[in-house]
Amino acid sequence: MRMSSFDRTGLRRMLADGAASMALRLNDTQLDLLIDYLALLAKWNAVYNLTAVRDPAQMVTQHLLDSLAILPAFTKAKNVLDVGSGGGLPGIVLAIWALGDRPGMRVSMIDTVHKKTAFLTQVKAELNLSNVTVYSGRVEQLRVEPLFDVITSRAFADLSDFVTWSGHLMADQGRFIAMKGVDSPVEEAGLPPGWKIIEKVPLAVPGLNAERHLVIIQRSQAGE
């Protein structure tokens, strides 16, 4: 499905159908906010190059549905950090979902590129996302309290760097949820000491003919 312009009705229908095919129930407010976000992403992208994807219909598949596919892994999350959030993926999508399904959940996002965090701050303001916090800078230099029970990323860095740079922000019983494409045993074998992969979850994204999976990482127990 391709659209040369921002056909809000068609994009919303495409999003709703895709979510339903993944057994995700989004209410009207969530659907409207996701399309509002997509409109802002498309508008800002024309100037700031937030994503290489230009076609709004492809954005629905490659950005919104791709991010929505991870929601089952976040059903118990309370305080989430999205590292290298870029244009807000998956952080903004998680925050919009949480407004309806996890009203107590907080979503923080961090990126080193000022134009990207400026965009995220604008999205927060225009969509009234009171559960969002935006940080500019390097994650290894971030110091905040309370610590996060989930730290996530989407194509941010290899697993070793991801864990090394942001592990100091993880609560004791917290976990990393990394969005990945192809399975990479070599990358996974390079995790720093004290951390282990506890699960790999394959994802099926409607309309996306590409491998996707989540890598879930926790601290190792003594003796492991």
N, C-alpha and C. Protein backbone atom coordinates (compact mmCIF):
# COMPACT_ATOMS: atom_id res chain seq x y z
N MET A 1 0.85 -1.20 0.00
CA MET A 1 0.00 0.00 0.00
C MET A 1 0.88 1.25 0.00
N ARG A 2 0.76 2.09 -0.99
CA ARG A 2 1.54 3.31 -1.06
C ARG A 2 0.61 4.53 -1.14
N MET A 3 1.06 5.58 -0.54
CA MET A 3 0.29 6.81 -0.56
C MET A 3 1.23 7.96 -0.86
N SER A 4 0.87 8.77 -1.83
CA SER A 4 1.75 9.87 -2.22
C SER A 4 1.63 11.05 -1.27
N SER A 5 0.54 11.14 -0.52
CA SER A 5 0.35 12.23 0.42
C SER A 5 -0.13 11.64 1.75
N PHE A 6 -0.30 12.52 2.74
CA PHE A 6 -0.67 12.04 4.06
C PHE A 6 -2.19 11.83 4.13
N ASP A 7 -2.61 10.64 3.76
CA ASP A 7 -4.02 10.25 3.80
C ASP A 7 -4.33 9.72 5.19
N ARG A 8 -4.77 10.62 6.07
CA ARG A 8 -4.94 10.26 7.48
C ARG A 8 -5.91 9.09 7.66
N THR A 9 -7.03 9.12 6.94
CA THR A 9 -8.02 8.06 7.10
C THR A 9 -7.46 6.71 6.66
N GLY A 10 -6.80 6.69 5.51
CA GLY A 10 -6.24 5.44 5.01
C GLY A 10 -5.12 4.92 5.90
N LEU A 11 -4.26 5.81 6.40
CA LEU A 11 -3.17 5.41 7.26
C LEU A 11 -3.69 4.87 8.59
N ARG A 12 -4.72 5.51 9.11
CA ARG A 12 -5.32 5.06 10.38
C ARG A 12 -5.91 3.66 10.21
N ARG A 13 -6.58 3.43 9.09
CA ARG A 13 -7.16 2.11 8.83
C ARG A 13 -6.05 1.07 8.70
N MET A 14 -4.98 1.43 8.00
CA MET A 14 -3.86 0.52 7.83
C MET A 14 -3.24 0.18 9.19
N LEU A 15 -3.10 1.17 10.04
CA LEU A 15 -2.54 0.95 11.36
C LEU A 15 -3.45 0.06 12.21
N ALA A 16 -4.74 0.36 12.19
CA ALA A 16 -5.70 -0.44 12.98
C ALA A 16 -5.72 -1.89 12.51
N ASP A 17 -5.71 -2.11 11.20
CA ASP A 17 -5.72 -3.47 10.67
C ASP A 17 -4.45 -4.21 11.04
N GLY A 18 -3.32 -3.53 10.95
CA GLY A 18 -2.05 -4.16 11.30
C GLY A 18 -1.98 -4.52 12.77
N ALA A 19 -2.44 -3.63 13.62
CA ALA A 19 -2.45 -3.92 15.05
C ALA A 19 -3.37 -5.10 15.36
N ALA A 20 -4.55 -5.12 14.73
CA ALA A 20 -5.50 -6.20 14.97
C ALA A 20 -4.91 -7.55 14.54
N SER A 21 -4.14 -7.55 13.47
CA SER A 21 -3.54 -8.80 13.00
C SER A 21 -2.49 -9.33 13.97
N MET A 22 -1.97 -8.45 14.83
CA MET A 22 -1.04 -8.87 15.88
C MET A 22 -1.75 -9.09 17.21
N ALA A 23 -3.08 -9.07 17.18
CA ALA A 23 -3.92 -9.26 18.37
C ALA A 23 -3.71 -8.13 19.39
N LEU A 24 -3.43 -6.92 18.89
CA LEU A 24 -3.30 -5.76 19.75
C LEU A 24 -4.56 -4.91 19.63
N ARG A 25 -5.13 -4.57 20.75
CA ARG A 25 -6.35 -3.77 20.76
C ARG A 25 -6.01 -2.33 21.11
N LEU A 26 -6.08 -1.46 20.13
CA LEU A 26 -5.82 -0.04 20.34
C LEU A 26 -7.14 0.72 20.32
N ASN A 27 -7.33 1.61 21.28
CA ASN A 27 -8.57 2.39 21.29
C ASN A 27 -8.44 3.58 20.33
N ASP A 28 -9.54 4.29 20.15
CA ASP A 28 -9.55 5.39 19.18
C ASP A 28 -8.53 6.47 19.54
N THR A 29 -8.39 6.77 20.83
CA THR A 29 -7.44 7.78 21.25
C THR A 29 -6.01 7.37 20.90
N GLN A 30 -5.67 6.11 21.16
CA GLN A 30 -4.34 5.62 20.83
C GLN A 30 -4.08 5.68 19.33
N LEU A 31 -5.06 5.26 18.54
CA LEU A 31 -4.91 5.30 17.08
C LEU A 31 -4.73 6.73 16.59
N ASP A 32 -5.55 7.64 17.11
CA ASP A 32 -5.46 9.04 16.68
C ASP A 32 -4.10 9.64 17.05
N LEU A 33 -3.62 9.35 18.26
CA LEU A 33 -2.34 9.90 18.69
C LEU A 33 -1.18 9.32 17.88
N LEU A 34 -1.25 8.06 17.54
CA LEU A 34 -0.21 7.46 16.72
C LEU A 34 -0.16 8.09 15.33
N ILE A 35 -1.32 8.38 14.76
CA ILE A 35 -1.34 9.05 13.45
C ILE A 35 -0.90 10.50 13.58
N ASP A 36 -1.27 11.16 14.69
CA ASP A 36 -0.77 12.52 14.94
C ASP A 36 0.76 12.51 15.00
N TYR A 37 1.30 11.53 15.70
CA TYR A 37 2.76 11.40 15.79
C TYR A 37 3.36 11.16 14.41
N LEU A 38 2.74 10.30 13.63
CA LEU A 38 3.25 10.01 12.29
C LEU A 38 3.24 11.27 11.43
N ALA A 39 2.20 12.08 11.56
CA ALA A 39 2.14 13.33 10.80
C ALA A 39 3.27 14.27 11.19
N LEU A 40 3.57 14.36 12.48
CA LEU A 40 4.68 15.20 12.93
C LEU A 40 6.01 14.65 12.43
N LEU A 41 6.17 13.34 12.47
CA LEU A 41 7.40 12.72 11.99
C LEU A 41 7.61 13.00 10.51
N ALA A 42 6.55 12.86 9.72
CA ALA A 42 6.65 13.13 8.28
C ALA A 42 6.96 14.60 8.01
N LYS A 43 6.35 15.50 8.79
CA LYS A 43 6.56 16.94 8.60
C LYS A 43 7.99 17.34 8.95
N TRP A 44 8.45 16.92 10.11
CA TRP A 44 9.80 17.28 10.55
C TRP A 44 10.87 16.58 9.71
N ASN A 45 10.53 15.39 9.21
CA ASN A 45 11.51 14.63 8.44
C ASN A 45 11.93 15.35 7.17
N ALA A 46 11.04 16.16 6.64
CA ALA A 46 11.35 16.89 5.41
C ALA A 46 12.52 17.85 5.59
N VAL A 47 12.74 18.29 6.83
CA VAL A 47 13.81 19.25 7.11
C VAL A 47 14.95 18.62 7.91
N TYR A 48 14.61 17.74 8.86
CA TYR A 48 15.60 17.26 9.82
C TYR A 48 16.13 15.86 9.54
N ASN A 49 15.58 15.18 8.51
CA ASN A 49 16.06 13.83 8.16
C ASN A 49 16.08 12.90 9.36
N LEU A 50 14.94 12.76 10.00
CA LEU A 50 14.83 11.90 11.18
C LEU A 50 14.81 10.43 10.80
N THR A 51 14.37 10.11 9.59
CA THR A 51 14.29 8.73 9.13
C THR A 51 14.48 8.69 7.62
N ALA A 52 15.07 7.59 7.14
CA ALA A 52 15.26 7.43 5.70
C ALA A 52 13.96 7.05 5.00
N VAL A 53 12.97 6.63 5.77
CA VAL A 53 11.68 6.26 5.20
C VAL A 53 10.87 7.52 4.95
N ARG A 54 10.41 7.71 3.71
CA ARG A 54 9.71 8.94 3.34
C ARG A 54 8.21 8.73 3.13
N ASP A 55 7.83 7.56 2.65
CA ASP A 55 6.43 7.30 2.34
C ASP A 55 5.64 7.02 3.63
N PRO A 56 4.55 7.75 3.88
CA PRO A 56 3.81 7.55 5.13
C PRO A 56 3.30 6.13 5.34
N ALA A 57 2.89 5.47 4.27
CA ALA A 57 2.42 4.09 4.42
C ALA A 57 3.55 3.17 4.86
N GLN A 58 4.75 3.39 4.31
CA GLN A 58 5.90 2.61 4.74
C GLN A 58 6.27 2.94 6.18
N MET A 59 6.05 4.18 6.59
CA MET A 59 6.29 4.55 7.99
C MET A 59 5.37 3.77 8.93
N VAL A 60 4.12 3.58 8.51
CA VAL A 60 3.19 2.81 9.33
C VAL A 60 3.75 1.42 9.58
N THR A 61 4.22 0.76 8.51
CA THR A 61 4.73 -0.60 8.64
C THR A 61 6.08 -0.64 9.33
N GLN A 62 7.04 0.14 8.83
CA GLN A 62 8.41 0.01 9.29
C GLN A 62 8.68 0.69 10.63
N HIS A 63 7.81 1.62 11.02
CA HIS A 63 8.02 2.33 12.28
C HIS A 63 6.93 2.02 13.31
N LEU A 64 5.67 2.30 12.98
CA LEU A 64 4.61 2.12 13.97
C LEU A 64 4.34 0.66 14.27
N LEU A 65 4.06 -0.14 13.25
CA LEU A 65 3.75 -1.55 13.50
C LEU A 65 4.98 -2.29 14.03
N ASP A 66 6.16 -1.95 13.53
CA ASP A 66 7.39 -2.56 14.03
C ASP A 66 7.55 -2.30 15.52
N SER A 67 7.25 -1.09 15.95
CA SER A 67 7.35 -0.76 17.38
C SER A 67 6.21 -1.37 18.19
N LEU A 68 5.01 -1.41 17.62
CA LEU A 68 3.88 -2.00 18.33
C LEU A 68 4.07 -3.50 18.56
N ALA A 69 4.83 -4.15 17.70
CA ALA A 69 5.03 -5.60 17.82
C ALA A 69 5.70 -5.99 19.13
N ILE A 70 6.40 -5.05 19.76
CA ILE A 70 7.13 -5.38 20.98
C ILE A 70 6.28 -5.22 22.24
N LEU A 71 5.06 -4.72 22.13
CA LEU A 71 4.27 -4.37 23.31
C LEU A 71 4.08 -5.51 24.31
N PRO A 72 3.86 -6.76 23.88
CA PRO A 72 3.67 -7.82 24.87
C PRO A 72 4.84 -7.97 25.85
N ALA A 73 6.03 -7.56 25.45
CA ALA A 73 7.19 -7.66 26.34
C ALA A 73 7.21 -6.55 27.39
N PHE A 74 6.33 -5.55 27.26
CA PHE A 74 6.35 -4.39 28.15
C PHE A 74 5.13 -4.32 29.07
N THR A 75 4.37 -5.39 29.16
CA THR A 75 3.11 -5.33 29.90
C THR A 75 3.30 -5.10 31.40
N LYS A 76 4.48 -5.42 31.94
CA LYS A 76 4.74 -5.20 33.36
C LYS A 76 5.73 -4.07 33.61
N ALA A 77 6.12 -3.38 32.56
CA ALA A 77 7.11 -2.30 32.71
C ALA A 77 6.51 -1.11 33.44
N LYS A 78 7.34 -0.45 34.25
CA LYS A 78 6.90 0.72 34.99
C LYS A 78 7.70 1.98 34.64
N ASN A 79 9.00 1.80 34.45
CA ASN A 79 9.88 2.94 34.20
C ASN A 79 10.86 2.54 33.10
N VAL A 80 10.63 3.05 31.89
CA VAL A 80 11.33 2.59 30.69
C VAL A 80 12.25 3.68 30.16
N LEU A 81 13.45 3.27 29.73
CA LEU A 81 14.36 4.17 29.04
C LEU A 81 14.59 3.65 27.63
N ASP A 82 14.38 4.51 26.63
CA ASP A 82 14.65 4.20 25.23
C ASP A 82 15.96 4.90 24.86
N VAL A 83 17.00 4.10 24.59
CA VAL A 83 18.33 4.62 24.33
C VAL A 83 18.54 4.80 22.83
N GLY A 84 19.05 5.98 22.44
CA GLY A 84 19.21 6.26 21.02
C GLY A 84 17.87 6.34 20.34
N SER A 85 16.95 7.07 20.95
CA SER A 85 15.55 7.05 20.52
C SER A 85 15.34 7.64 19.14
N GLY A 86 16.25 8.52 18.69
CA GLY A 86 16.10 9.09 17.35
C GLY A 86 14.81 9.88 17.20
N GLY A 87 13.97 9.44 16.28
CA GLY A 87 12.68 10.08 16.07
C GLY A 87 11.59 9.60 17.00
N GLY A 88 11.94 8.80 18.02
CA GLY A 88 10.96 8.37 19.01
C GLY A 88 10.49 6.94 18.87
N LEU A 89 11.35 6.11 18.31
CA LEU A 89 10.98 4.71 18.08
C LEU A 89 11.93 3.79 18.84
N PRO A 90 11.38 3.01 19.77
CA PRO A 90 9.95 2.81 20.04
C PRO A 90 9.36 3.70 21.13
N GLY A 91 10.14 4.65 21.68
CA GLY A 91 9.71 5.36 22.87
C GLY A 91 8.36 6.06 22.78
N ILE A 92 8.14 6.85 21.73
CA ILE A 92 6.86 7.56 21.59
C ILE A 92 5.71 6.57 21.42
N VAL A 93 5.92 5.53 20.65
CA VAL A 93 4.87 4.51 20.46
C VAL A 93 4.54 3.85 21.79
N LEU A 94 5.56 3.50 22.59
CA LEU A 94 5.32 2.92 23.91
C LEU A 94 4.55 3.88 24.81
N ALA A 95 4.90 5.16 24.76
CA ALA A 95 4.25 6.15 25.62
C ALA A 95 2.77 6.31 25.26
N ILE A 96 2.47 6.34 23.97
CA ILE A 96 1.07 6.47 23.54
C ILE A 96 0.27 5.24 23.94
N TRP A 97 0.85 4.07 23.75
CA TRP A 97 0.17 2.83 24.19
C TRP A 97 -0.06 2.85 25.70
N ALA A 98 0.95 3.30 26.46
CA ALA A 98 0.85 3.26 27.92
C ALA A 98 -0.26 4.17 28.45
N LEU A 99 -0.55 5.26 27.76
CA LEU A 99 -1.61 6.16 28.21
C LEU A 99 -2.93 5.43 28.40
N GLY A 100 -3.18 4.43 27.54
CA GLY A 100 -4.42 3.69 27.65
C GLY A 100 -4.31 2.38 28.40
N ASP A 101 -3.16 1.71 28.29
CA ASP A 101 -3.03 0.36 28.83
C ASP A 101 -2.15 0.26 30.07
N ARG A 102 -1.23 1.20 30.26
CA ARG A 102 -0.34 1.20 31.42
C ARG A 102 -0.21 2.63 31.93
N PRO A 103 -1.30 3.18 32.51
CA PRO A 103 -1.30 4.61 32.85
C PRO A 103 -0.23 5.02 33.86
N GLY A 104 0.33 4.06 34.60
CA GLY A 104 1.38 4.40 35.55
C GLY A 104 2.78 4.32 34.99
N MET A 105 2.91 3.91 33.74
CA MET A 105 4.22 3.70 33.15
C MET A 105 4.83 5.02 32.68
N ARG A 106 6.13 5.18 32.94
CA ARG A 106 6.88 6.34 32.48
C ARG A 106 7.82 5.91 31.36
N VAL A 107 8.00 6.77 30.37
CA VAL A 107 8.91 6.49 29.27
C VAL A 107 9.88 7.65 29.12
N SER A 108 11.16 7.36 29.29
CA SER A 108 12.21 8.35 29.06
C SER A 108 12.92 8.01 27.77
N MET A 109 13.40 9.02 27.07
CA MET A 109 14.12 8.84 25.82
C MET A 109 15.38 9.68 25.84
N ILE A 110 16.46 9.14 25.29
CA ILE A 110 17.72 9.88 25.23
C ILE A 110 18.35 9.72 23.86
N ASP A 111 18.92 10.81 23.36
CA ASP A 111 19.65 10.79 22.11
C ASP A 111 20.72 11.87 22.17
N THR A 112 21.81 11.66 21.43
CA THR A 112 22.90 12.64 21.43
C THR A 112 22.68 13.77 20.43
N VAL A 113 21.74 13.58 19.50
CA VAL A 113 21.53 14.55 18.42
C VAL A 113 20.45 15.55 18.83
N HIS A 114 20.82 16.82 18.93
CA HIS A 114 19.91 17.83 19.46
C HIS A 114 18.64 17.96 18.61
N LYS A 115 18.75 17.91 17.29
CA LYS A 115 17.55 18.08 16.46
C LYS A 115 16.55 16.97 16.71
N LYS A 116 17.04 15.78 17.08
CA LYS A 116 16.14 14.67 17.37
C LYS A 116 15.45 14.86 18.72
N THR A 117 16.19 15.29 19.73
CA THR A 117 15.55 15.52 21.03
C THR A 117 14.64 16.74 20.98
N ALA A 118 14.95 17.71 20.13
CA ALA A 118 14.04 18.85 19.94
C ALA A 118 12.72 18.36 19.35
N PHE A 119 12.80 17.45 18.40
CA PHE A 119 11.59 16.88 17.82
C PHE A 119 10.80 16.11 18.88
N LEU A 120 11.48 15.29 19.68
CA LEU A 120 10.79 14.52 20.72
C LEU A 120 10.11 15.44 21.73
N THR A 121 10.77 16.54 22.07
CA THR A 121 10.17 17.51 23.00
C THR A 121 8.93 18.15 22.40
N GLN A 122 8.97 18.42 21.10
CA GLN A 122 7.81 18.98 20.42
C GLN A 122 6.66 17.98 20.38
N VAL A 123 6.97 16.72 20.10
CA VAL A 123 5.93 15.69 20.09
C VAL A 123 5.30 15.58 21.48
N LYS A 124 6.12 15.56 22.51
CA LYS A 124 5.60 15.50 23.88
C LYS A 124 4.61 16.63 24.14
N ALA A 125 4.97 17.85 23.72
CA ALA A 125 4.12 19.02 23.96
C ALA A 125 2.84 18.97 23.14
N GLU A 126 2.97 18.69 21.84
CA GLU A 126 1.80 18.75 20.96
C GLU A 126 0.81 17.62 21.24
N LEU A 127 1.31 16.45 21.64
CA LEU A 127 0.42 15.32 21.91
C LEU A 127 0.07 15.20 23.39
N ASN A 128 0.60 16.13 24.20
CA ASN A 128 0.32 16.15 25.64
C ASN A 128 0.67 14.81 26.29
N LEU A 129 1.88 14.35 26.03
CA LEU A 129 2.33 13.07 26.58
C LEU A 129 2.98 13.32 27.94
N SER A 130 2.15 13.33 28.97
CA SER A 130 2.63 13.66 30.31
C SER A 130 3.51 12.57 30.90
N ASN A 131 3.53 11.40 30.29
CA ASN A 131 4.33 10.29 30.80
C ASN A 131 5.71 10.20 30.16
N VAL A 132 6.13 11.24 29.43
CA VAL A 132 7.38 11.23 28.68
C VAL A 132 8.40 12.20 29.28
N THR A 133 9.66 11.77 29.32
CA THR A 133 10.79 12.63 29.66
C THR A 133 11.84 12.49 28.56
N VAL A 134 12.41 13.61 28.13
CA VAL A 134 13.40 13.60 27.05
C VAL A 134 14.74 14.11 27.58
N TYR A 135 15.81 13.36 27.28
CA TYR A 135 17.16 13.75 27.67
C TYR A 135 18.02 13.91 26.42
N SER A 136 18.88 14.92 26.43
CA SER A 136 19.88 15.10 25.38
C SER A 136 21.24 14.74 25.95
N GLY A 137 22.02 13.95 25.20
CA GLY A 137 23.36 13.62 25.65
C GLY A 137 23.67 12.15 25.47
N ARG A 138 24.80 11.75 26.03
CA ARG A 138 25.26 10.37 25.93
C ARG A 138 24.71 9.57 27.10
N VAL A 139 24.22 8.38 26.83
CA VAL A 139 23.58 7.59 27.88
C VAL A 139 24.58 7.21 28.96
N GLU A 140 25.86 7.01 28.61
CA GLU A 140 26.84 6.63 29.63
C GLU A 140 27.10 7.75 30.63
N GLN A 141 26.69 8.97 30.29
CA GLN A 141 26.88 10.11 31.20
C GLN A 141 25.60 10.47 31.95
N LEU A 142 24.51 9.79 31.66
CA LEU A 142 23.23 10.09 32.30
C LEU A 142 23.20 9.53 33.72
N ARG A 143 22.76 10.35 34.65
CA ARG A 143 22.58 9.93 36.05
C ARG A 143 21.21 10.40 36.50
N VAL A 144 20.31 9.46 36.74
CA VAL A 144 18.95 9.81 37.15
C VAL A 144 18.47 8.82 38.20
N GLU A 145 17.50 9.24 38.96
CA GLU A 145 16.80 8.40 39.92
C GLU A 145 15.30 8.62 39.73
N PRO A 146 14.48 7.58 39.88
CA PRO A 146 14.85 6.20 40.16
C PRO A 146 15.45 5.52 38.93
N LEU A 147 16.10 4.38 39.16
CA LEU A 147 16.64 3.61 38.05
C LEU A 147 15.51 2.96 37.26
N PHE A 148 15.83 2.44 36.08
CA PHE A 148 14.83 1.91 35.16
C PHE A 148 14.67 0.40 35.32
N ASP A 149 13.44 -0.05 35.24
CA ASP A 149 13.21 -1.51 35.28
C ASP A 149 13.29 -2.12 33.88
N VAL A 150 13.17 -1.29 32.82
CA VAL A 150 13.37 -1.75 31.45
C VAL A 150 14.16 -0.69 30.68
N ILE A 151 15.21 -1.11 30.00
CA ILE A 151 15.95 -0.25 29.09
C ILE A 151 15.89 -0.90 27.72
N THR A 152 15.45 -0.14 26.72
CA THR A 152 15.24 -0.69 25.39
C THR A 152 15.99 0.12 24.35
N SER A 153 16.11 -0.45 23.17
CA SER A 153 16.71 0.26 22.04
C SER A 153 16.26 -0.40 20.75
N ARG A 154 16.31 0.37 19.70
CA ARG A 154 15.95 -0.13 18.36
C ARG A 154 17.12 0.20 17.43
N ALA A 155 17.91 -0.83 17.11
CA ALA A 155 19.05 -0.66 16.20
C ALA A 155 19.98 0.45 16.67
N PHE A 156 20.23 0.49 17.98
CA PHE A 156 21.07 1.54 18.55
C PHE A 156 22.55 1.20 18.47
N ALA A 157 22.93 0.01 18.93
CA ALA A 157 24.33 -0.39 18.97
C ALA A 157 24.37 -1.90 19.14
N ASP A 158 25.57 -2.49 19.09
CA ASP A 158 25.62 -3.92 19.37
C ASP A 158 25.32 -4.15 20.85
N LEU A 159 24.99 -5.38 21.20
CA LEU A 159 24.51 -5.67 22.55
C LEU A 159 25.55 -5.33 23.62
N SER A 160 26.81 -5.59 23.33
CA SER A 160 27.86 -5.32 24.31
C SER A 160 27.91 -3.84 24.66
N ASP A 161 27.93 -2.97 23.65
CA ASP A 161 27.96 -1.53 23.90
C ASP A 161 26.69 -1.06 24.58
N PHE A 162 25.56 -1.56 24.13
CA PHE A 162 24.27 -1.18 24.70
C PHE A 162 24.25 -1.43 26.20
N VAL A 163 24.66 -2.63 26.60
CA VAL A 163 24.66 -3.00 28.02
C VAL A 163 25.74 -2.24 28.79
N THR A 164 26.93 -2.14 28.22
CA THR A 164 28.03 -1.46 28.90
C THR A 164 27.72 0.01 29.14
N TRP A 165 27.17 0.68 28.14
CA TRP A 165 26.93 2.12 28.24
C TRP A 165 25.76 2.46 29.15
N SER A 166 24.77 1.60 29.26
CA SER A 166 23.55 1.96 30.01
C SER A 166 23.27 1.07 31.22
N GLY A 167 24.15 0.11 31.51
CA GLY A 167 23.91 -0.81 32.62
C GLY A 167 23.82 -0.12 33.97
N HIS A 168 24.50 1.02 34.13
CA HIS A 168 24.47 1.73 35.42
C HIS A 168 23.09 2.32 35.71
N LEU A 169 22.24 2.38 34.71
CA LEU A 169 20.90 2.96 34.88
C LEU A 169 19.84 1.89 35.16
N MET A 170 20.24 0.62 35.24
CA MET A 170 19.30 -0.48 35.38
C MET A 170 19.08 -0.82 36.85
N ALA A 171 17.83 -0.93 37.24
CA ALA A 171 17.49 -1.40 38.58
C ALA A 171 17.93 -2.86 38.75
N ASP A 172 18.06 -3.29 40.00
CA ASP A 172 18.62 -4.61 40.28
C ASP A 172 17.92 -5.73 39.54
N GLN A 173 16.62 -5.71 39.51
CA GLN A 173 15.86 -6.79 38.87
C GLN A 173 15.37 -6.40 37.48
N GLY A 174 15.96 -5.35 36.92
CA GLY A 174 15.52 -4.87 35.62
C GLY A 174 16.05 -5.71 34.47
N ARG A 175 15.64 -5.34 33.26
CA ARG A 175 16.07 -6.10 32.09
C ARG A 175 16.20 -5.18 30.88
N PHE A 176 17.12 -5.57 30.02
CA PHE A 176 17.23 -4.94 28.71
C PHE A 176 16.31 -5.65 27.73
N ILE A 177 15.65 -4.88 26.88
CA ILE A 177 14.86 -5.44 25.78
C ILE A 177 15.36 -4.77 24.51
N ALA A 178 16.18 -5.47 23.76
CA ALA A 178 16.80 -4.91 22.55
C ALA A 178 16.06 -5.39 21.32
N MET A 179 15.65 -4.44 20.47
CA MET A 179 15.03 -4.77 19.20
C MET A 179 16.14 -5.04 18.17
N LYS A 180 16.09 -6.21 17.57
CA LYS A 180 17.15 -6.60 16.64
C LYS A 180 16.54 -7.15 15.35
N GLY A 181 17.38 -7.13 14.31
CA GLY A 181 16.99 -7.74 13.05
C GLY A 181 17.41 -9.19 13.02
N VAL A 182 18.42 -9.51 12.24
CA VAL A 182 18.87 -10.90 12.13
C VAL A 182 19.54 -11.34 13.42
N ASP A 183 19.43 -12.63 13.71
CA ASP A 183 20.04 -13.22 14.89
C ASP A 183 21.57 -13.16 14.74
N SER A 184 22.26 -12.78 15.80
CA SER A 184 23.72 -12.62 15.73
C SER A 184 24.37 -13.29 16.94
N PRO A 185 24.65 -14.60 16.86
CA PRO A 185 25.28 -15.30 17.99
C PRO A 185 26.61 -14.69 18.40
N VAL A 186 27.40 -14.20 17.44
CA VAL A 186 28.69 -13.60 17.78
C VAL A 186 28.48 -12.35 18.64
N GLU A 187 27.54 -11.51 18.24
CA GLU A 187 27.24 -10.31 19.02
C GLU A 187 26.76 -10.68 20.41
N GLU A 188 25.89 -11.68 20.48
CA GLU A 188 25.34 -12.09 21.77
C GLU A 188 26.40 -12.69 22.68
N ALA A 189 27.38 -13.35 22.10
CA ALA A 189 28.45 -13.95 22.90
C ALA A 189 29.37 -12.91 23.51
N GLY A 190 29.31 -11.67 23.01
CA GLY A 190 30.19 -10.61 23.48
C GLY A 190 29.64 -9.80 24.63
N LEU A 191 28.56 -10.25 25.26
CA LEU A 191 28.02 -9.50 26.40
C LEU A 191 29.06 -9.36 27.50
N PRO A 192 29.08 -8.23 28.19
CA PRO A 192 30.05 -8.05 29.28
C PRO A 192 29.74 -8.98 30.45
N PRO A 193 30.73 -9.28 31.27
CA PRO A 193 30.50 -10.15 32.43
C PRO A 193 29.40 -9.60 33.33
N GLY A 194 28.63 -10.52 33.90
CA GLY A 194 27.56 -10.12 34.81
C GLY A 194 26.19 -10.00 34.17
N TRP A 195 26.14 -10.25 32.85
CA TRP A 195 24.86 -10.16 32.15
C TRP A 195 24.65 -11.42 31.30
N LYS A 196 23.39 -11.79 31.13
CA LYS A 196 23.08 -12.98 30.33
C LYS A 196 21.78 -12.78 29.57
N ILE A 197 21.69 -13.44 28.43
CA ILE A 197 20.44 -13.45 27.65
C ILE A 197 19.51 -14.48 28.27
N ILE A 198 18.30 -14.05 28.60
CA ILE A 198 17.34 -14.98 29.19
C ILE A 198 16.26 -15.43 28.19
N GLU A 199 16.13 -14.67 27.10
CA GLU A 199 15.09 -15.04 26.13
C GLU A 199 15.33 -14.30 24.82
N LYS A 200 15.00 -14.96 23.73
CA LYS A 200 14.95 -14.33 22.42
C LYS A 200 13.55 -14.57 21.85
N VAL A 201 12.88 -13.48 21.49
CA VAL A 201 11.48 -13.54 21.09
C VAL A 201 11.35 -13.14 19.62
N PRO A 202 10.95 -14.07 18.74
CA PRO A 202 10.75 -13.70 17.33
C PRO A 202 9.52 -12.81 17.18
N LEU A 203 9.59 -11.86 16.26
CA LEU A 203 8.48 -10.95 16.01
C LEU A 203 8.01 -11.09 14.57
N ALA A 204 6.72 -10.99 14.38
CA ALA A 204 6.14 -10.96 13.03
C ALA A 204 5.42 -9.64 12.86
N VAL A 205 5.92 -8.81 11.95
CA VAL A 205 5.35 -7.49 11.72
C VAL A 205 4.56 -7.51 10.42
N PRO A 206 3.26 -7.20 10.45
CA PRO A 206 2.44 -7.24 9.23
C PRO A 206 3.01 -6.35 8.13
N GLY A 207 3.18 -6.92 6.93
CA GLY A 207 3.65 -6.15 5.79
C GLY A 207 5.15 -5.98 5.73
N LEU A 208 5.88 -6.50 6.73
CA LEU A 208 7.33 -6.34 6.77
C LEU A 208 8.00 -7.69 6.55
N ASN A 209 8.62 -7.82 5.40
CA ASN A 209 9.28 -9.07 5.04
C ASN A 209 10.75 -9.01 5.47
N ALA A 210 10.96 -9.01 6.77
CA ALA A 210 12.31 -8.93 7.32
C ALA A 210 12.32 -9.59 8.69
N GLU A 211 13.46 -10.15 9.06
CA GLU A 211 13.58 -10.81 10.35
C GLU A 211 13.61 -9.77 11.47
N ARG A 212 12.85 -10.03 12.51
CA ARG A 212 12.81 -9.18 13.69
C ARG A 212 12.75 -10.07 14.93
N HIS A 213 13.47 -9.68 15.97
CA HIS A 213 13.33 -10.38 17.24
C HIS A 213 13.78 -9.48 18.37
N LEU A 214 13.34 -9.83 19.58
CA LEU A 214 13.77 -9.15 20.78
C LEU A 214 14.79 -10.01 21.50
N VAL A 215 15.83 -9.35 22.02
CA VAL A 215 16.80 -10.02 22.88
C VAL A 215 16.61 -9.45 24.28
N ILE A 216 16.30 -10.33 25.24
CA ILE A 216 16.03 -9.90 26.62
C ILE A 216 17.19 -10.33 27.51
N ILE A 217 17.75 -9.36 28.22
CA ILE A 217 18.99 -9.54 28.97
C ILE A 217 18.76 -9.13 30.42
N GLN A 218 19.29 -9.94 31.35
CA GLN A 218 19.25 -9.61 32.76
C GLN A 218 20.62 -9.84 33.38
N ARG A 219 20.77 -9.36 34.61
CA ARG A 219 22.00 -9.64 35.35
C ARG A 219 22.10 -11.13 35.66
N SER A 220 23.32 -11.64 35.62
CA SER A 220 23.57 -13.02 36.00
C SER A 220 23.52 -13.15 37.51
N GLN A 221 23.09 -14.33 37.98
CA GLN A 221 23.14 -14.63 39.40
C GLN A 221 24.54 -15.12 39.75
N ALA A 222 24.91 -15.00 41.02
CA ALA A 222 26.22 -15.46 41.45
C ALA A 222 26.41 -16.93 41.11
N GLY A 223 27.56 -17.24 40.51
CA GLY A 223 27.86 -18.62 40.18
C GLY A 223 27.47 -19.01 38.78
N GLU A 224 26.75 -18.13 38.06
CA GLU A 224 26.35 -18.46 36.69
C GLU A 224 27.46 -18.12 35.69
